[in-house]
Amino acid sequence: LKMSTEESIFMARVAEQSERFNDMVDFLKPVIKEKGASLSNDERNLLSVAFKNLISSQRSGIRTISAIEQNKKYEKYAGALGEYKTKIEDALFKNCEDII
């Protein structure tokens, strides 16, 4: 579904209010592609909020898993924890590459 820039910005705001930051980024990507460096201050702020919150939650997840990995009580789950942390790290890396 091809949205106008206005619709994309509106939906990004709805996604922000819904705390769906991944969706917010997805709604903003076509706007960025279309406008490039000529984003308005408002659009730039929306983009900043989207990525900041998306990346923040991923970083928090990695820290939480790292803390659990340090607990001897959970060492039998080390393989599963490591895989899950890698999955989140990969998503974080991809999101960082997307913004650059």
N, C-alpha and C. Protein backbone atom coordinates (compact mmCIF):
# COMPACT_ATOMS: atom_id res chain seq x y z
N LEU A 1 0.85 -1.19 0.00
CA LEU A 1 0.00 0.00 0.00
C LEU A 1 0.88 1.24 0.00
N LYS A 2 0.80 2.02 -1.05
CA LYS A 2 1.58 3.25 -1.19
C LYS A 2 0.84 4.39 -0.50
N MET A 3 1.51 4.99 0.48
CA MET A 3 0.91 6.10 1.22
C MET A 3 1.55 7.41 0.78
N SER A 4 0.81 8.47 0.93
CA SER A 4 1.38 9.80 0.70
C SER A 4 2.32 10.11 1.87
N THR A 5 3.14 11.11 1.69
CA THR A 5 4.04 11.54 2.77
C THR A 5 3.22 11.93 3.99
N GLU A 6 2.12 12.65 3.76
CA GLU A 6 1.27 13.09 4.87
C GLU A 6 0.70 11.88 5.64
N GLU A 7 0.24 10.87 4.90
CA GLU A 7 -0.29 9.66 5.55
C GLU A 7 0.80 8.93 6.32
N SER A 8 1.99 8.84 5.73
CA SER A 8 3.11 8.16 6.41
C SER A 8 3.46 8.85 7.71
N ILE A 9 3.51 10.18 7.69
CA ILE A 9 3.81 10.95 8.90
C ILE A 9 2.71 10.75 9.95
N PHE A 10 1.47 10.79 9.50
CA PHE A 10 0.34 10.56 10.42
C PHE A 10 0.43 9.18 11.06
N MET A 11 0.69 8.16 10.24
CA MET A 11 0.77 6.79 10.76
C MET A 11 1.99 6.62 11.69
N ALA A 12 3.07 7.34 11.40
CA ALA A 12 4.24 7.30 12.30
C ALA A 12 3.85 7.86 13.67
N ARG A 13 3.04 8.91 13.67
CA ARG A 13 2.57 9.48 14.95
C ARG A 13 1.66 8.51 15.70
N VAL A 14 0.81 7.82 14.96
CA VAL A 14 -0.06 6.82 15.58
C VAL A 14 0.79 5.70 16.17
N ALA A 15 1.78 5.26 15.42
CA ALA A 15 2.68 4.20 15.91
C ALA A 15 3.43 4.67 17.16
N GLU A 16 3.83 5.94 17.19
CA GLU A 16 4.52 6.48 18.37
C GLU A 16 3.60 6.43 19.59
N GLN A 17 2.35 6.86 19.42
CA GLN A 17 1.40 6.84 20.53
C GLN A 17 1.11 5.42 20.99
N SER A 18 1.22 4.47 20.07
CA SER A 18 0.98 3.06 20.39
C SER A 18 2.24 2.37 20.89
N GLU A 19 3.34 3.12 20.96
CA GLU A 19 4.64 2.60 21.37
C GLU A 19 5.10 1.44 20.48
N ARG A 20 4.80 1.56 19.20
CA ARG A 20 5.21 0.58 18.18
C ARG A 20 6.32 1.21 17.36
N PHE A 21 7.51 1.28 17.95
CA PHE A 21 8.60 2.05 17.36
C PHE A 21 9.15 1.41 16.08
N ASN A 22 9.09 0.10 15.99
CA ASN A 22 9.50 -0.56 14.75
C ASN A 22 8.57 -0.16 13.61
N ASP A 23 7.28 -0.13 13.88
CA ASP A 23 6.31 0.32 12.88
C ASP A 23 6.54 1.79 12.53
N MET A 24 6.85 2.57 13.54
CA MET A 24 7.11 3.98 13.32
C MET A 24 8.26 4.17 12.32
N VAL A 25 9.32 3.41 12.51
CA VAL A 25 10.47 3.45 11.59
C VAL A 25 10.02 3.04 10.19
N ASP A 26 9.23 1.97 10.11
CA ASP A 26 8.76 1.49 8.80
C ASP A 26 7.92 2.55 8.08
N PHE A 27 7.10 3.28 8.81
CA PHE A 27 6.29 4.34 8.19
C PHE A 27 7.17 5.51 7.71
N LEU A 28 8.27 5.75 8.41
CA LEU A 28 9.13 6.88 8.06
C LEU A 28 10.13 6.58 6.95
N LYS A 29 10.47 5.32 6.74
CA LYS A 29 11.47 4.97 5.72
C LYS A 29 11.15 5.53 4.33
N PRO A 30 9.89 5.40 3.84
CA PRO A 30 9.61 5.96 2.51
C PRO A 30 9.74 7.49 2.48
N VAL A 31 9.44 8.15 3.59
CA VAL A 31 9.56 9.60 3.66
C VAL A 31 11.03 9.98 3.56
N ILE A 32 11.88 9.25 4.26
CA ILE A 32 13.32 9.50 4.22
C ILE A 32 13.85 9.26 2.81
N LYS A 33 13.40 8.17 2.22
CA LYS A 33 13.85 7.84 0.87
C LYS A 33 13.46 8.94 -0.13
N GLU A 34 12.26 9.46 0.04
CA GLU A 34 11.75 10.48 -0.87
C GLU A 34 12.42 11.84 -0.65
N LYS A 35 12.57 12.23 0.62
CA LYS A 35 13.04 13.58 0.93
C LYS A 35 14.54 13.67 1.19
N GLY A 36 15.16 12.56 1.58
CA GLY A 36 16.59 12.59 1.88
C GLY A 36 16.91 13.58 2.98
N ALA A 37 17.92 14.40 2.74
CA ALA A 37 18.39 15.35 3.75
C ALA A 37 17.45 16.53 3.94
N SER A 38 16.43 16.66 3.10
CA SER A 38 15.54 17.81 3.21
C SER A 38 14.33 17.55 4.10
N LEU A 39 14.49 16.70 5.11
CA LEU A 39 13.42 16.47 6.08
C LEU A 39 13.17 17.74 6.87
N SER A 40 11.92 17.97 7.22
CA SER A 40 11.59 19.11 8.08
C SER A 40 12.08 18.79 9.50
N ASN A 41 12.12 19.80 10.35
CA ASN A 41 12.50 19.57 11.75
C ASN A 41 11.57 18.57 12.41
N ASP A 42 10.28 18.69 12.13
CA ASP A 42 9.29 17.78 12.70
C ASP A 42 9.54 16.34 12.25
N GLU A 43 9.80 16.16 10.98
CA GLU A 43 10.06 14.81 10.45
C GLU A 43 11.36 14.25 11.03
N ARG A 44 12.37 15.11 11.15
CA ARG A 44 13.65 14.68 11.73
C ARG A 44 13.46 14.27 13.19
N ASN A 45 12.66 15.03 13.92
CA ASN A 45 12.38 14.70 15.32
C ASN A 45 11.64 13.36 15.44
N LEU A 46 10.67 13.14 14.56
CA LEU A 46 9.95 11.86 14.56
C LEU A 46 10.91 10.70 14.34
N LEU A 47 11.80 10.87 13.36
CA LEU A 47 12.79 9.85 13.06
C LEU A 47 13.69 9.58 14.26
N SER A 48 14.11 10.64 14.90
CA SER A 48 14.97 10.53 16.08
C SER A 48 14.27 9.76 17.20
N VAL A 49 13.02 10.09 17.46
CA VAL A 49 12.24 9.41 18.50
C VAL A 49 12.09 7.93 18.15
N ALA A 50 11.78 7.65 16.90
CA ALA A 50 11.56 6.26 16.47
C ALA A 50 12.80 5.41 16.71
N PHE A 51 13.94 5.86 16.20
CA PHE A 51 15.16 5.06 16.33
C PHE A 51 15.67 5.02 17.76
N LYS A 52 15.58 6.14 18.47
CA LYS A 52 16.04 6.18 19.85
C LYS A 52 15.31 5.14 20.69
N ASN A 53 13.99 5.11 20.57
CA ASN A 53 13.21 4.17 21.36
C ASN A 53 13.38 2.73 20.90
N LEU A 54 13.46 2.52 19.60
CA LEU A 54 13.66 1.17 19.07
C LEU A 54 14.99 0.60 19.55
N ILE A 55 16.05 1.38 19.40
CA ILE A 55 17.38 0.93 19.77
C ILE A 55 17.51 0.80 21.29
N SER A 56 16.89 1.72 22.01
CA SER A 56 16.94 1.69 23.47
C SER A 56 16.36 0.39 24.02
N SER A 57 15.23 -0.04 23.47
CA SER A 57 14.62 -1.28 23.98
C SER A 57 15.49 -2.50 23.64
N GLN A 58 16.14 -2.48 22.48
CA GLN A 58 17.01 -3.59 22.13
C GLN A 58 18.25 -3.62 23.04
N ARG A 59 18.83 -2.46 23.29
CA ARG A 59 20.00 -2.40 24.18
C ARG A 59 19.63 -2.87 25.58
N SER A 60 18.46 -2.47 26.04
CA SER A 60 17.99 -2.90 27.35
C SER A 60 17.83 -4.41 27.41
N GLY A 61 17.30 -4.98 26.34
CA GLY A 61 17.15 -6.44 26.26
C GLY A 61 18.49 -7.15 26.34
N ILE A 62 19.48 -6.62 25.64
CA ILE A 62 20.82 -7.22 25.67
C ILE A 62 21.40 -7.15 27.08
N ARG A 63 21.25 -6.01 27.73
CA ARG A 63 21.76 -5.87 29.11
C ARG A 63 21.06 -6.84 30.06
N THR A 64 19.77 -7.00 29.91
CA THR A 64 19.01 -7.92 30.77
C THR A 64 19.50 -9.35 30.59
N ILE A 65 19.65 -9.77 29.34
CA ILE A 65 20.11 -11.13 29.07
C ILE A 65 21.53 -11.32 29.60
N SER A 66 22.38 -10.33 29.43
CA SER A 66 23.76 -10.42 29.95
C SER A 66 23.76 -10.60 31.46
N ALA A 67 22.87 -9.89 32.15
CA ALA A 67 22.77 -10.03 33.61
C ALA A 67 22.31 -11.43 33.99
N ILE A 68 21.35 -11.97 33.26
CA ILE A 68 20.86 -13.32 33.54
C ILE A 68 21.97 -14.34 33.28
N GLU A 69 22.75 -14.13 32.22
CA GLU A 69 23.85 -15.04 31.90
C GLU A 69 24.88 -15.10 33.03
N GLN A 70 25.03 -14.03 33.78
CA GLN A 70 26.02 -13.99 34.88
C GLN A 70 25.57 -14.80 36.09
N ASN A 71 24.30 -15.11 36.18
CA ASN A 71 23.76 -15.83 37.33
C ASN A 71 24.00 -17.33 37.14
N LYS A 72 24.76 -17.92 38.06
CA LYS A 72 25.10 -19.35 37.99
C LYS A 72 23.85 -20.23 37.94
N LYS A 73 22.79 -19.76 38.55
CA LYS A 73 21.54 -20.52 38.62
C LYS A 73 20.99 -20.84 37.23
N TYR A 74 21.36 -20.01 36.23
CA TYR A 74 20.80 -20.17 34.89
C TYR A 74 21.82 -20.67 33.87
N GLU A 75 22.96 -21.21 34.35
CA GLU A 75 23.99 -21.60 33.38
C GLU A 75 23.55 -22.75 32.48
N LYS A 76 22.57 -23.54 32.91
CA LYS A 76 22.10 -24.62 32.04
C LYS A 76 21.35 -24.07 30.81
N TYR A 77 20.98 -22.80 30.87
CA TYR A 77 20.29 -22.15 29.74
C TYR A 77 21.24 -21.28 28.91
N ALA A 78 22.54 -21.42 29.14
CA ALA A 78 23.53 -20.55 28.49
C ALA A 78 23.40 -20.55 26.97
N GLY A 79 23.19 -21.72 26.37
CA GLY A 79 23.07 -21.81 24.91
C GLY A 79 21.89 -21.02 24.39
N ALA A 80 20.73 -21.23 25.00
CA ALA A 80 19.52 -20.53 24.57
C ALA A 80 19.64 -19.04 24.80
N LEU A 81 20.21 -18.65 25.95
CA LEU A 81 20.39 -17.23 26.25
C LEU A 81 21.33 -16.58 25.23
N GLY A 82 22.41 -17.27 24.91
CA GLY A 82 23.37 -16.74 23.94
C GLY A 82 22.75 -16.56 22.57
N GLU A 83 21.96 -17.52 22.14
CA GLU A 83 21.29 -17.43 20.84
C GLU A 83 20.30 -16.26 20.81
N TYR A 84 19.56 -16.12 21.90
CA TYR A 84 18.57 -15.05 21.96
C TYR A 84 19.26 -13.68 21.96
N LYS A 85 20.35 -13.58 22.73
CA LYS A 85 21.08 -12.31 22.77
C LYS A 85 21.66 -11.99 21.39
N THR A 86 22.18 -12.98 20.70
CA THR A 86 22.71 -12.77 19.34
C THR A 86 21.61 -12.30 18.40
N LYS A 87 20.42 -12.87 18.53
CA LYS A 87 19.29 -12.46 17.69
C LYS A 87 18.98 -10.97 17.90
N ILE A 88 18.96 -10.54 19.15
CA ILE A 88 18.68 -9.14 19.46
C ILE A 88 19.83 -8.24 18.98
N GLU A 89 21.08 -8.69 19.18
CA GLU A 89 22.23 -7.92 18.71
C GLU A 89 22.21 -7.75 17.19
N ASP A 90 21.84 -8.81 16.48
CA ASP A 90 21.74 -8.73 15.02
C ASP A 90 20.68 -7.71 14.59
N ALA A 91 19.54 -7.74 15.27
CA ALA A 91 18.47 -6.78 14.96
C ALA A 91 18.93 -5.35 15.26
N LEU A 92 19.64 -5.17 16.37
CA LEU A 92 20.17 -3.86 16.74
C LEU A 92 21.15 -3.36 15.68
N PHE A 93 22.05 -4.23 15.25
CA PHE A 93 23.03 -3.88 14.22
C PHE A 93 22.32 -3.48 12.93
N LYS A 94 21.31 -4.25 12.54
CA LYS A 94 20.56 -3.95 11.30
C LYS A 94 19.86 -2.60 11.41
N ASN A 95 19.26 -2.32 12.57
CA ASN A 95 18.58 -1.04 12.75
C ASN A 95 19.57 0.13 12.71
N CYS A 96 20.75 -0.08 13.27
CA CYS A 96 21.77 0.98 13.22
C CYS A 96 22.23 1.21 11.79
N GLU A 97 22.40 0.15 11.03
CA GLU A 97 22.78 0.29 9.62
C GLU A 97 21.69 1.00 8.83
N ASP A 98 20.43 0.71 9.14
CA ASP A 98 19.31 1.35 8.43
C ASP A 98 19.34 2.86 8.58
N ILE A 99 19.64 3.34 9.76
CA ILE A 99 19.60 4.78 10.00
C ILE A 99 20.77 5.48 9.33
N ILE A 100 21.89 4.78 9.20
CA ILE A 100 23.06 5.36 8.56
C ILE A 100 22.85 5.37 7.07
